[in-house]
Amino acid sequence: MEVLRDPPKASTFVPLVEHQSTTPASFHSGPPVLHYYSDRSKLIVLEHEIDSAPAFAPILAAAAAHQHENGTQTNGEQSQQNKQKVVEDVDVWVASE
C-alpha cells in the first residue's frame, strides 16, 4: 500500500477490461493496469490496528488536521480496543504498479 499526496491521472492507466481484451506484445512494458478505482471510499481502522500498517499513520494524521475529533466513533458501551478512526472521501486506486 502506498499513500499518494496527489491523485494520479486516470489516463496514465490501461483499464482492466481493455488489458484483458488483448494479448500484449510484452508483459513488462506499457502503462500500469487499473484494476479498481473509487473516489467515494471510507477508511475505517480500529485504533489498536493503526500500527499494523504504516500507511495508516499519514492518512489519519492528515484527516485529523482537517477535522476535529469527529473521526473517532464510539458506540455507547464500545470498549477502548474497538474504537474506530474513520476517514471519509478517500480515493482508492488499485493498479498493477
PDB file of N, CA and C in Angstrom:
ATOM      1  N   MET A   1       0.841  -1.157   0.000  1.00  0.00           N
ATOM      2  CA  MET A   1       0.000   0.000   0.000  1.00  0.00           C
ATOM      3  C   MET A   1       0.895   1.231   0.000  1.00  0.00           C
ATOM      4  N   GLU A   2       0.546   2.172  -0.852  1.00  0.00           N
ATOM      5  CA  GLU A   2       1.313   3.404  -0.948  1.00  0.00           C
ATOM      6  C   GLU A   2       0.355   4.578  -0.802  1.00  0.00           C
ATOM      7  N   VAL A   3       0.700   5.528   0.032  1.00  0.00           N
ATOM      8  CA  VAL A   3      -0.107   6.726   0.208  1.00  0.00           C
ATOM      9  C   VAL A   3       0.385   7.762  -0.792  1.00  0.00           C
ATOM     10  N   LEU A   4      -0.539   8.271  -1.602  1.00  0.00           N
ATOM     11  CA  LEU A   4      -0.208   9.291  -2.589  1.00  0.00           C
ATOM     12  C   LEU A   4      -0.768  10.621  -2.118  1.00  0.00           C
ATOM     13  N   ARG A   5       0.013  11.659  -2.217  1.00  0.00           N
ATOM     14  CA  ARG A   5      -0.437  13.003  -1.828  1.00  0.00           C
ATOM     15  C   ARG A   5      -1.263  13.650  -2.932  1.00  0.00           C
ATOM     16  N   ASP A   6      -0.916  13.368  -4.179  1.00  0.00           N
ATOM     17  CA  ASP A   6      -1.639  13.898  -5.329  1.00  0.00           C
ATOM     18  C   ASP A   6      -2.204  12.729  -6.121  1.00  0.00           C
ATOM     19  N   PRO A   7      -3.463  12.805  -6.515  1.00  0.00           N
ATOM     20  CA  PRO A   7      -4.059  11.681  -7.245  1.00  0.00           C
ATOM     21  C   PRO A   7      -3.435  11.514  -8.626  1.00  0.00           C
ATOM     22  N   PRO A   8      -3.268  10.272  -9.057  1.00  0.00           N
ATOM     23  CA  PRO A   8      -2.755  10.051 -10.423  1.00  0.00           C
ATOM     24  C   PRO A   8      -3.834  10.399 -11.439  1.00  0.00           C
ATOM     25  N   LYS A   9      -3.442  10.555 -12.671  1.00  0.00           N
ATOM     26  CA  LYS A   9      -4.401  10.807 -13.747  1.00  0.00           C
ATOM     27  C   LYS A   9      -4.886   9.463 -14.281  1.00  0.00           C
ATOM     28  N   ALA A  10      -6.179   9.339 -14.464  1.00  0.00           N
ATOM     29  CA  ALA A  10      -6.756   8.088 -14.967  1.00  0.00           C
ATOM     30  C   ALA A  10      -6.193   7.734 -16.338  1.00  0.00           C
ATOM     31  N   SER A  11      -5.788   8.733 -17.103  1.00  0.00           N
ATOM     32  CA  SER A  11      -5.262   8.476 -18.451  1.00  0.00           C
ATOM     33  C   SER A  11      -3.894   7.797 -18.439  1.00  0.00           C
ATOM     34  N   THR A  12      -3.253   7.723 -17.277  1.00  0.00           N
ATOM     35  CA  THR A  12      -1.948   7.055 -17.210  1.00  0.00           C
ATOM     36  C   THR A  12      -2.083   5.552 -17.023  1.00  0.00           C
ATOM     37  N   PHE A  13      -3.304   5.056 -16.939  1.00  0.00           N
ATOM     38  CA  PHE A  13      -3.565   3.628 -16.740  1.00  0.00           C
ATOM     39  C   PHE A  13      -4.307   3.045 -17.933  1.00  0.00           C
ATOM     40  N   VAL A  14      -4.160   1.753 -18.107  1.00  0.00           N
ATOM     41  CA  VAL A  14      -4.956   0.993 -19.068  1.00  0.00           C
ATOM     42  C   VAL A  14      -6.094   0.354 -18.274  1.00  0.00           C
ATOM     43  N   PRO A  15      -7.354   0.583 -18.660  1.00  0.00           N
ATOM     44  CA  PRO A  15      -8.448  -0.075 -17.940  1.00  0.00           C
ATOM     45  C   PRO A  15      -8.314  -1.595 -18.006  1.00  0.00           C
ATOM     46  N   LEU A  16      -8.700  -2.274 -16.963  1.00  0.00           N
ATOM     47  CA  LEU A  16      -8.565  -3.730 -16.881  1.00  0.00           C
ATOM     48  C   LEU A  16      -9.284  -4.424 -18.028  1.00  0.00           C
ATOM     49  N   VAL A  17     -10.468  -3.973 -18.391  1.00  0.00           N
ATOM     50  CA  VAL A  17     -11.231  -4.596 -19.475  1.00  0.00           C
ATOM     51  C   VAL A  17     -10.456  -4.517 -20.788  1.00  0.00           C
ATOM     52  N   GLU A  18      -9.852  -3.367 -21.042  1.00  0.00           N
ATOM     53  CA  GLU A  18      -9.053  -3.207 -22.267  1.00  0.00           C
ATOM     54  C   GLU A  18      -7.822  -4.100 -22.230  1.00  0.00           C
ATOM     55  N   HIS A  19      -7.173  -4.167 -21.098  1.00  0.00           N
ATOM     56  CA  HIS A  19      -5.973  -5.007 -20.947  1.00  0.00           C
ATOM     57  C   HIS A  19      -6.307  -6.481 -21.171  1.00  0.00           C
ATOM     58  N   GLN A  20      -7.434  -6.926 -20.642  1.00  0.00           N
ATOM     59  CA  GLN A  20      -7.815  -8.334 -20.774  1.00  0.00           C
ATOM     60  C   GLN A  20      -8.312  -8.684 -22.167  1.00  0.00           C
ATOM     61  N   SER A  21      -8.702  -7.685 -22.962  1.00  0.00           N
ATOM     62  CA  SER A  21      -9.248  -7.963 -24.289  1.00  0.00           C
ATOM     63  C   SER A  21      -8.173  -8.227 -25.336  1.00  0.00           C
ATOM     64  N   THR A  22      -6.921  -7.938 -25.009  1.00  0.00           N
ATOM     65  CA  THR A  22      -5.840  -8.160 -25.967  1.00  0.00           C
ATOM     66  C   THR A  22      -4.683  -8.885 -25.290  1.00  0.00           C
ATOM     67  N   THR A  23      -3.910  -9.531 -26.108  1.00  0.00           N
ATOM     68  CA  THR A  23      -2.683 -10.154 -25.610  1.00  0.00           C
ATOM     69  C   THR A  23      -1.553  -9.176 -25.864  1.00  0.00           C
ATOM     70  N   PRO A  24      -0.922  -8.679 -24.800  1.00  0.00           N
ATOM     71  CA  PRO A  24       0.145  -7.693 -25.013  1.00  0.00           C
ATOM     72  C   PRO A  24       1.368  -8.325 -25.674  1.00  0.00           C
ATOM     73  N   ALA A  25       2.083  -7.502 -26.427  1.00  0.00           N
ATOM     74  CA  ALA A  25       3.313  -7.962 -27.066  1.00  0.00           C
ATOM     75  C   ALA A  25       4.359  -8.293 -26.016  1.00  0.00           C
ATOM     76  N   SER A  26       4.321  -7.574 -24.908  1.00  0.00           N
ATOM     77  CA  SER A  26       5.259  -7.809 -23.829  1.00  0.00           C
ATOM     78  C   SER A  26       4.521  -7.656 -22.508  1.00  0.00           C
ATOM     79  N   PHE A  27       4.829  -8.513 -21.560  1.00  0.00           N
ATOM     80  CA  PHE A  27       4.178  -8.430 -20.266  1.00  0.00           C
ATOM     81  C   PHE A  27       4.915  -7.472 -19.328  1.00  0.00           C
ATOM     82  N   HIS A  28       5.984  -6.834 -19.799  1.00  0.00           N
ATOM     83  CA  HIS A  28       6.766  -5.950 -18.946  1.00  0.00           C
ATOM     84  C   HIS A  28       6.805  -4.516 -19.434  1.00  0.00           C
ATOM     85  N   SER A  29       6.030  -4.183 -20.461  1.00  0.00           N
ATOM     86  CA  SER A  29       6.031  -2.811 -20.949  1.00  0.00           C
ATOM     87  C   SER A  29       4.608  -2.293 -21.018  1.00  0.00           C
ATOM     88  N   GLY A  30       4.493  -1.008 -21.199  1.00  0.00           N
ATOM     89  CA  GLY A  30       3.187  -0.378 -21.284  1.00  0.00           C
ATOM     90  C   GLY A  30       2.777   0.234 -19.953  1.00  0.00           C
ATOM     91  N   PRO A  31       1.701   0.993 -19.989  1.00  0.00           N
ATOM     92  CA  PRO A  31       1.249   1.652 -18.769  1.00  0.00           C
ATOM     93  C   PRO A  31       0.698   0.632 -17.767  1.00  0.00           C
ATOM     94  N   PRO A  32       0.662   1.006 -16.484  1.00  0.00           N
ATOM     95  CA  PRO A  32       0.107   0.093 -15.484  1.00  0.00           C
ATOM     96  C   PRO A  32      -1.382  -0.143 -15.735  1.00  0.00           C
ATOM     97  N   VAL A  33      -1.865  -1.280 -15.274  1.00  0.00           N
ATOM     98  CA  VAL A  33      -3.269  -1.652 -15.448  1.00  0.00           C
ATOM     99  C   VAL A  33      -4.054  -1.188 -14.227  1.00  0.00           C
ATOM    100  N   LEU A  34      -5.163  -0.499 -14.482  1.00  0.00           N
ATOM    101  CA  LEU A  34      -6.032  -0.045 -13.402  1.00  0.00           C
ATOM    102  C   LEU A  34      -7.072  -1.127 -13.138  1.00  0.00           C
ATOM    103  N   HIS A  35      -6.978  -1.769 -11.967  1.00  0.00           N
ATOM    104  CA  HIS A  35      -7.896  -2.845 -11.606  1.00  0.00           C
ATOM    105  C   HIS A  35      -9.164  -2.317 -10.940  1.00  0.00           C
ATOM    106  N   TYR A  36      -9.047  -1.209 -10.202  1.00  0.00           N
ATOM    107  CA  TYR A  36     -10.209  -0.671  -9.487  1.00  0.00           C
ATOM    108  C   TYR A  36      -9.929   0.776  -9.114  1.00  0.00           C
ATOM    109  N   TYR A  37     -10.982   1.599  -9.169  1.00  0.00           N
ATOM    110  CA  TYR A  37     -10.889   2.982  -8.717  1.00  0.00           C
ATOM    111  C   TYR A  37     -12.197   3.371  -8.055  1.00  0.00           C
ATOM    112  N   SER A  38     -12.095   4.047  -6.917  1.00  0.00           N
ATOM    113  CA  SER A  38     -13.272   4.595  -6.242  1.00  0.00           C
ATOM    114  C   SER A  38     -12.889   5.916  -5.607  1.00  0.00           C
ATOM    115  N   ASP A  39     -13.688   6.937  -5.858  1.00  0.00           N
ATOM    116  CA  ASP A  39     -13.434   8.238  -5.249  1.00  0.00           C
ATOM    117  C   ASP A  39     -14.403   8.496  -4.093  1.00  0.00           C
ATOM    118  N   ARG A  40     -15.134   7.471  -3.667  1.00  0.00           N
ATOM    119  CA  ARG A  40     -16.112   7.633  -2.599  1.00  0.00           C
ATOM    120  C   ARG A  40     -15.910   6.610  -1.497  1.00  0.00           C
ATOM    121  N   SER A  41     -14.695   6.293  -1.195  1.00  0.00           N
ATOM    122  CA  SER A  41     -14.421   5.261  -0.197  1.00  0.00           C
ATOM    123  C   SER A  41     -14.318   5.852   1.196  1.00  0.00           C
ATOM    124  N   LYS A  42     -14.411   4.969   2.165  1.00  0.00           N
ATOM    125  CA  LYS A  42     -14.278   5.342   3.563  1.00  0.00           C
ATOM    126  C   LYS A  42     -13.291   4.379   4.193  1.00  0.00           C
ATOM    127  N   LEU A  43     -12.311   4.921   4.895  1.00  0.00           N
ATOM    128  CA  LEU A  43     -11.329   4.103   5.604  1.00  0.00           C
ATOM    129  C   LEU A  43     -11.766   4.014   7.057  1.00  0.00           C
ATOM    130  N   ILE A  44     -11.934   2.793   7.545  1.00  0.00           N
ATOM    131  CA  ILE A  44     -12.288   2.555   8.942  1.00  0.00           C
ATOM    132  C   ILE A  44     -11.203   1.674   9.540  1.00  0.00           C
ATOM    133  N   VAL A  45     -10.550   2.181  10.580  1.00  0.00           N
ATOM    134  CA  VAL A  45      -9.448   1.464  11.215  1.00  0.00           C
ATOM    135  C   VAL A  45      -9.720   1.408  12.712  1.00  0.00           C
ATOM    136  N   LEU A  46      -9.615   0.213  13.276  1.00  0.00           N
ATOM    137  CA  LEU A  46      -9.696   0.105  14.730  1.00  0.00           C
ATOM    138  C   LEU A  46      -8.432   0.713  15.314  1.00  0.00           C
ATOM    139  N   GLU A  47      -8.576   1.480  16.397  1.00  0.00           N
ATOM    140  CA  GLU A  47      -7.420   2.179  16.965  1.00  0.00           C
ATOM    141  C   GLU A  47      -6.266   1.231  17.293  1.00  0.00           C
ATOM    142  N   HIS A  48      -6.580   0.025  17.773  1.00  0.00           N
ATOM    143  CA  HIS A  48      -5.491  -0.883  18.146  1.00  0.00           C
ATOM    144  C   HIS A  48      -4.800  -1.497  16.927  1.00  0.00           C
ATOM    145  N   GLU A  49      -5.331  -1.268  15.714  1.00  0.00           N
ATOM    146  CA  GLU A  49      -4.709  -1.791  14.497  1.00  0.00           C
ATOM    147  C   GLU A  49      -3.953  -0.727  13.704  1.00  0.00           C
ATOM    148  N   ILE A  50      -3.926   0.505  14.196  1.00  0.00           N
ATOM    149  CA  ILE A  50      -3.299   1.597  13.458  1.00  0.00           C
ATOM    150  C   ILE A  50      -1.822   1.316  13.184  1.00  0.00           C
ATOM    151  N   ASP A  51      -1.122   0.749  14.151  1.00  0.00           N
ATOM    152  CA  ASP A  51       0.301   0.489  13.970  1.00  0.00           C
ATOM    153  C   ASP A  51       0.599  -0.700  13.064  1.00  0.00           C
ATOM    154  N   SER A  52      -0.425  -1.479  12.698  1.00  0.00           N
ATOM    155  CA  SER A  52      -0.191  -2.678  11.891  1.00  0.00           C
ATOM    156  C   SER A  52       0.121  -2.373  10.427  1.00  0.00           C
ATOM    157  N   ALA A  53      -0.268  -1.200   9.961  1.00  0.00           N
ATOM    158  CA  ALA A  53       0.034  -0.808   8.577  1.00  0.00           C
ATOM    159  C   ALA A  53       0.596   0.605   8.592  1.00  0.00           C
ATOM    160  N   PRO A  54       1.854   0.759   8.245  1.00  0.00           N
ATOM    161  CA  PRO A  54       2.488   2.078   8.296  1.00  0.00           C
ATOM    162  C   PRO A  54       1.764   3.142   7.462  1.00  0.00           C
ATOM    163  N   ALA A  55       1.039   2.743   6.429  1.00  0.00           N
ATOM    164  CA  ALA A  55       0.345   3.720   5.581  1.00  0.00           C
ATOM    165  C   ALA A  55      -0.814   4.395   6.308  1.00  0.00           C
ATOM    166  N   PHE A  56      -1.332   3.780   7.375  1.00  0.00           N
ATOM    167  CA  PHE A  56      -2.458   4.378   8.102  1.00  0.00           C
ATOM    168  C   PHE A  56      -2.076   5.694   8.779  1.00  0.00           C
ATOM    169  N   ALA A  57      -0.883   5.784   9.319  1.00  0.00           N
ATOM    170  CA  ALA A  57      -0.480   6.952  10.120  1.00  0.00           C
ATOM    171  C   ALA A  57      -0.604   8.274   9.352  1.00  0.00           C
ATOM    172  N   PRO A  58      -0.019   8.406   8.152  1.00  0.00           N
ATOM    173  CA  PRO A  58      -0.142   9.704   7.470  1.00  0.00           C
ATOM    174  C   PRO A  58      -1.569  10.013   7.022  1.00  0.00           C
ATOM    175  N   ILE A  59      -2.344   8.990   6.678  1.00  0.00           N
ATOM    176  CA  ILE A  59      -3.735   9.208   6.270  1.00  0.00           C
ATOM    177  C   ILE A  59      -4.541   9.730   7.449  1.00  0.00           C
ATOM    178  N   LEU A  60      -4.383   9.093   8.604  1.00  0.00           N
ATOM    179  CA  LEU A  60      -5.121   9.503   9.793  1.00  0.00           C
ATOM    180  C   LEU A  60      -4.656  10.867  10.287  1.00  0.00           C
ATOM    181  N   ALA A  61      -3.361  11.140  10.184  1.00  0.00           N
ATOM    182  CA  ALA A  61      -2.843  12.444  10.603  1.00  0.00           C
ATOM    183  C   ALA A  61      -3.402  13.556   9.718  1.00  0.00           C
ATOM    184  N   ALA A  62      -3.444  13.325   8.420  1.00  0.00           N
ATOM    185  CA  ALA A  62      -3.988  14.331   7.502  1.00  0.00           C
ATOM    186  C   ALA A  62      -5.471  14.547   7.751  1.00  0.00           C
ATOM    187  N   ALA A  63      -6.197  13.467   8.011  1.00  0.00           N
ATOM    188  CA  ALA A  63      -7.630  13.583   8.281  1.00  0.00           C
ATOM    189  C   ALA A  63      -7.875  14.331   9.585  1.00  0.00           C
ATOM    190  N   ALA A  64      -7.050  14.072  10.591  1.00  0.00           N
ATOM    191  CA  ALA A  64      -7.197  14.747  11.879  1.00  0.00           C
ATOM    192  C   ALA A  64      -6.941  16.236  11.743  1.00  0.00           C
ATOM    193  N   ALA A  65      -6.063  16.626  10.840  1.00  0.00           N
ATOM    194  CA  ALA A  65      -5.783  18.041  10.631  1.00  0.00           C
ATOM    195  C   ALA A  65      -6.983  18.757  10.017  1.00  0.00           C
ATOM    196  N   HIS A  66      -7.820  18.010   9.264  1.00  0.00           N
ATOM    197  CA  HIS A  66      -8.970  18.607   8.589  1.00  0.00           C
ATOM    198  C   HIS A  66     -10.254  18.521   9.396  1.00  0.00           C
ATOM    199  N   GLN A  67     -10.280  17.683  10.379  1.00  0.00           N
ATOM    200  CA  GLN A  67     -11.485  17.559  11.174  1.00  0.00           C
ATOM    201  C   GLN A  67     -11.129  17.527  12.644  1.00  0.00           C
ATOM    202  N   HIS A  68     -12.041  17.934  13.452  1.00  0.00           N
ATOM    203  CA  HIS A  68     -11.792  17.882  14.887  1.00  0.00           C
ATOM    204  C   HIS A  68     -12.043  16.447  15.309  1.00  0.00           C
ATOM    205  N   GLU A  69     -12.311  16.132  16.458  1.00  0.00           N
ATOM    206  CA  GLU A  69     -12.411  14.751  16.920  1.00  0.00           C
ATOM    207  C   GLU A  69     -13.557  13.958  16.292  1.00  0.00           C
ATOM    208  N   ASN A  70     -14.099  14.398  15.164  1.00  0.00           N
ATOM    209  CA  ASN A  70     -15.196  13.689  14.503  1.00  0.00           C
ATOM    210  C   ASN A  70     -14.773  12.342  13.943  1.00  0.00           C
ATOM    211  N   GLY A  71     -13.487  12.106  13.769  1.00  0.00           N
ATOM    212  CA  GLY A  71     -13.016  10.857  13.191  1.00  0.00           C
ATOM    213  C   GLY A  71     -13.081   9.681  14.126  1.00  0.00           C
ATOM    214  N   THR A  72     -13.182   9.906  15.424  1.00  0.00           N
ATOM    215  CA  THR A  72     -13.274   8.806  16.380  1.00  0.00           C
ATOM    216  C   THR A  72     -14.737   8.538  16.657  1.00  0.00           C
ATOM    217  N   GLN A  73     -15.153   7.336  16.370  1.00  0.00           N
ATOM    218  CA  GLN A  73     -16.543   6.994  16.610  1.00  0.00           C
ATOM    219  C   GLN A  73     -16.624   5.965  17.714  1.00  0.00           C
ATOM    220  N   THR A  74     -17.571   6.154  18.583  1.00  0.00           N
ATOM    221  CA  THR A  74     -17.805   5.168  19.623  1.00  0.00           C
ATOM    222  C   THR A  74     -19.264   4.789  19.578  1.00  0.00           C
ATOM    223  N   ASN A  75     -19.572   3.655  20.103  1.00  0.00           N
ATOM    224  CA  ASN A  75     -20.933   3.151  20.090  1.00  0.00           C
ATOM    225  C   ASN A  75     -21.370   2.875  21.522  1.00  0.00           C
ATOM    226  N   GLY A  76     -21.576   3.908  22.293  1.00  0.00           N
ATOM    227  CA  GLY A  76     -22.045   3.766  23.654  1.00  0.00           C
ATOM    228  C   GLY A  76     -21.097   2.998  24.538  1.00  0.00           C
ATOM    229  N   GLU A  77     -21.291   1.705  24.650  1.00  0.00           N
ATOM    230  CA  GLU A  77     -20.517   0.854  25.545  1.00  0.00           C
ATOM    231  C   GLU A  77     -19.294   0.245  24.868  1.00  0.00           C
ATOM    232  N   GLN A  78     -18.932   0.739  23.743  1.00  0.00           N
ATOM    233  CA  GLN A  78     -17.816   0.179  22.988  1.00  0.00           C
ATOM    234  C   GLN A  78     -16.525   0.269  23.794  1.00  0.00           C
ATOM    235  N   SER A  79     -15.770  -0.811  23.813  1.00  0.00           N
ATOM    236  CA  SER A  79     -14.534  -0.848  24.587  1.00  0.00           C
ATOM    237  C   SER A  79     -13.460  -0.005  23.919  1.00  0.00           C
ATOM    238  N   GLN A  80     -12.441   0.330  24.662  1.00  0.00           N
ATOM    239  CA  GLN A  80     -11.318   1.113  24.147  1.00  0.00           C
ATOM    240  C   GLN A  80     -10.679   0.414  22.953  1.00  0.00           C
ATOM    241  N   GLN A  81     -10.621  -0.914  22.984  1.00  0.00           N
ATOM    242  CA  GLN A  81      -9.975  -1.676  21.921  1.00  0.00           C
ATOM    243  C   GLN A  81     -10.763  -1.613  20.617  1.00  0.00           C
ATOM    244  N   ASN A  82     -12.064  -1.374  20.684  1.00  0.00           N
ATOM    245  CA  ASN A  82     -12.894  -1.388  19.488  1.00  0.00           C
ATOM    246  C   ASN A  82     -13.203   0.002  18.939  1.00  0.00           C
ATOM    247  N   LYS A  83     -12.587   1.051  19.466  1.00  0.00           N
ATOM    248  CA  LYS A  83     -12.820   2.389  18.928  1.00  0.00           C
ATOM    249  C   LYS A  83     -12.292   2.456  17.511  1.00  0.00           C
ATOM    250  N   GLN A  84     -13.004   3.205  16.699  1.00  0.00           N
ATOM    251  CA  GLN A  84     -12.649   3.297  15.290  1.00  0.00           C
ATOM    252  C   GLN A  84     -12.211   4.706  14.931  1.00  0.00           C
ATOM    253  N   LYS A  85     -11.298   4.786  14.006  1.00  0.00           N
ATOM    254  CA  LYS A  85     -10.949   6.024  13.332  1.00  0.00           C
ATOM    255  C   LYS A  85     -11.551   5.915  11.944  1.00  0.00           C
ATOM    256  N   VAL A  86     -12.274   6.938  11.526  1.00  0.00           N
ATOM    257  CA  VAL A  86     -12.946   6.925  10.235  1.00  0.00           C
ATOM    258  C   VAL A  86     -12.462   8.101   9.413  1.00  0.00           C
ATOM    259  N   VAL A  87     -12.081   7.832   8.183  1.00  0.00           N
ATOM    260  CA  VAL A  87     -11.670   8.878   7.244  1.00  0.00           C
ATOM    261  C   VAL A  87     -12.600   8.786   6.045  1.00  0.00           C
ATOM    262  N   GLU A  88     -13.336   9.855   5.809  1.00  0.00           N
ATOM    263  CA  GLU A  88     -14.278   9.908   4.687  1.00  0.00           C
ATOM    264  C   GLU A  88     -13.577  10.383   3.419  1.00  0.00           C
ATOM    265  N   ASP A  89     -14.201  10.170   2.283  1.00  0.00           N
ATOM    266  CA  ASP A  89     -13.753  10.679   0.988  1.00  0.00           C
ATOM    267  C   ASP A  89     -12.322  10.301   0.650  1.00  0.00           C
ATOM    268  N   VAL A  90     -12.019   9.017   0.723  1.00  0.00           N
ATOM    269  CA  VAL A  90     -10.713   8.503   0.361  1.00  0.00           C
ATOM    270  C   VAL A  90     -10.778   7.992  -1.071  1.00  0.00           C
ATOM    271  N   ASP A  91      -9.815   8.396  -1.886  1.00  0.00           N
ATOM    272  CA  ASP A  91      -9.708   7.859  -3.249  1.00  0.00           C
ATOM    273  C   ASP A  91      -8.897   6.576  -3.168  1.00  0.00           C
ATOM    274  N   VAL A  92      -9.402   5.509  -3.777  1.00  0.00           N
ATOM    275  CA  VAL A  92      -8.707   4.231  -3.801  1.00  0.00           C
ATOM    276  C   VAL A  92      -8.365   3.877  -5.247  1.00  0.00           C
ATOM    277  N   TRP A  93      -7.094   3.659  -5.482  1.00  0.00           N
ATOM    278  CA  TRP A  93      -6.587   3.242  -6.792  1.00  0.00           C
ATOM    279  C   TRP A  93      -5.921   1.881  -6.593  1.00  0.00           C
ATOM    280  N   VAL A  94      -6.399   0.866  -7.292  1.00  0.00           N
ATOM    281  CA  VAL A  94      -5.759  -0.450  -7.251  1.00  0.00           C
ATOM    282  C   VAL A  94      -5.219  -0.694  -8.659  1.00  0.00           C
ATOM    283  N   ALA A  95      -3.897  -0.693  -8.740  1.00  0.00           N
ATOM    284  CA  ALA A  95      -3.257  -0.796 -10.038  1.00  0.00           C
ATOM    285  C   ALA A  95      -2.102  -1.799  -9.970  1.00  0.00           C
ATOM    286  N   SER A  96      -1.625  -2.169 -11.150  1.00  0.00           N
ATOM    287  CA  SER A  96      -0.528  -3.125 -11.222  1.00  0.00           C
ATOM    288  C   SER A  96       0.794  -2.530 -10.773  1.00  0.00           C
ATOM    289  N   GLU A  97       0.864  -1.225 -10.644  1.00  0.00           N
ATOM    290  CA  GLU A  97       2.072  -0.542 -10.123  1.00  0.00           C
ATOM    291  C   GLU A  97       1.692   0.292  -8.948  1.00  0.00           C
TER     292      GLU A  97
END
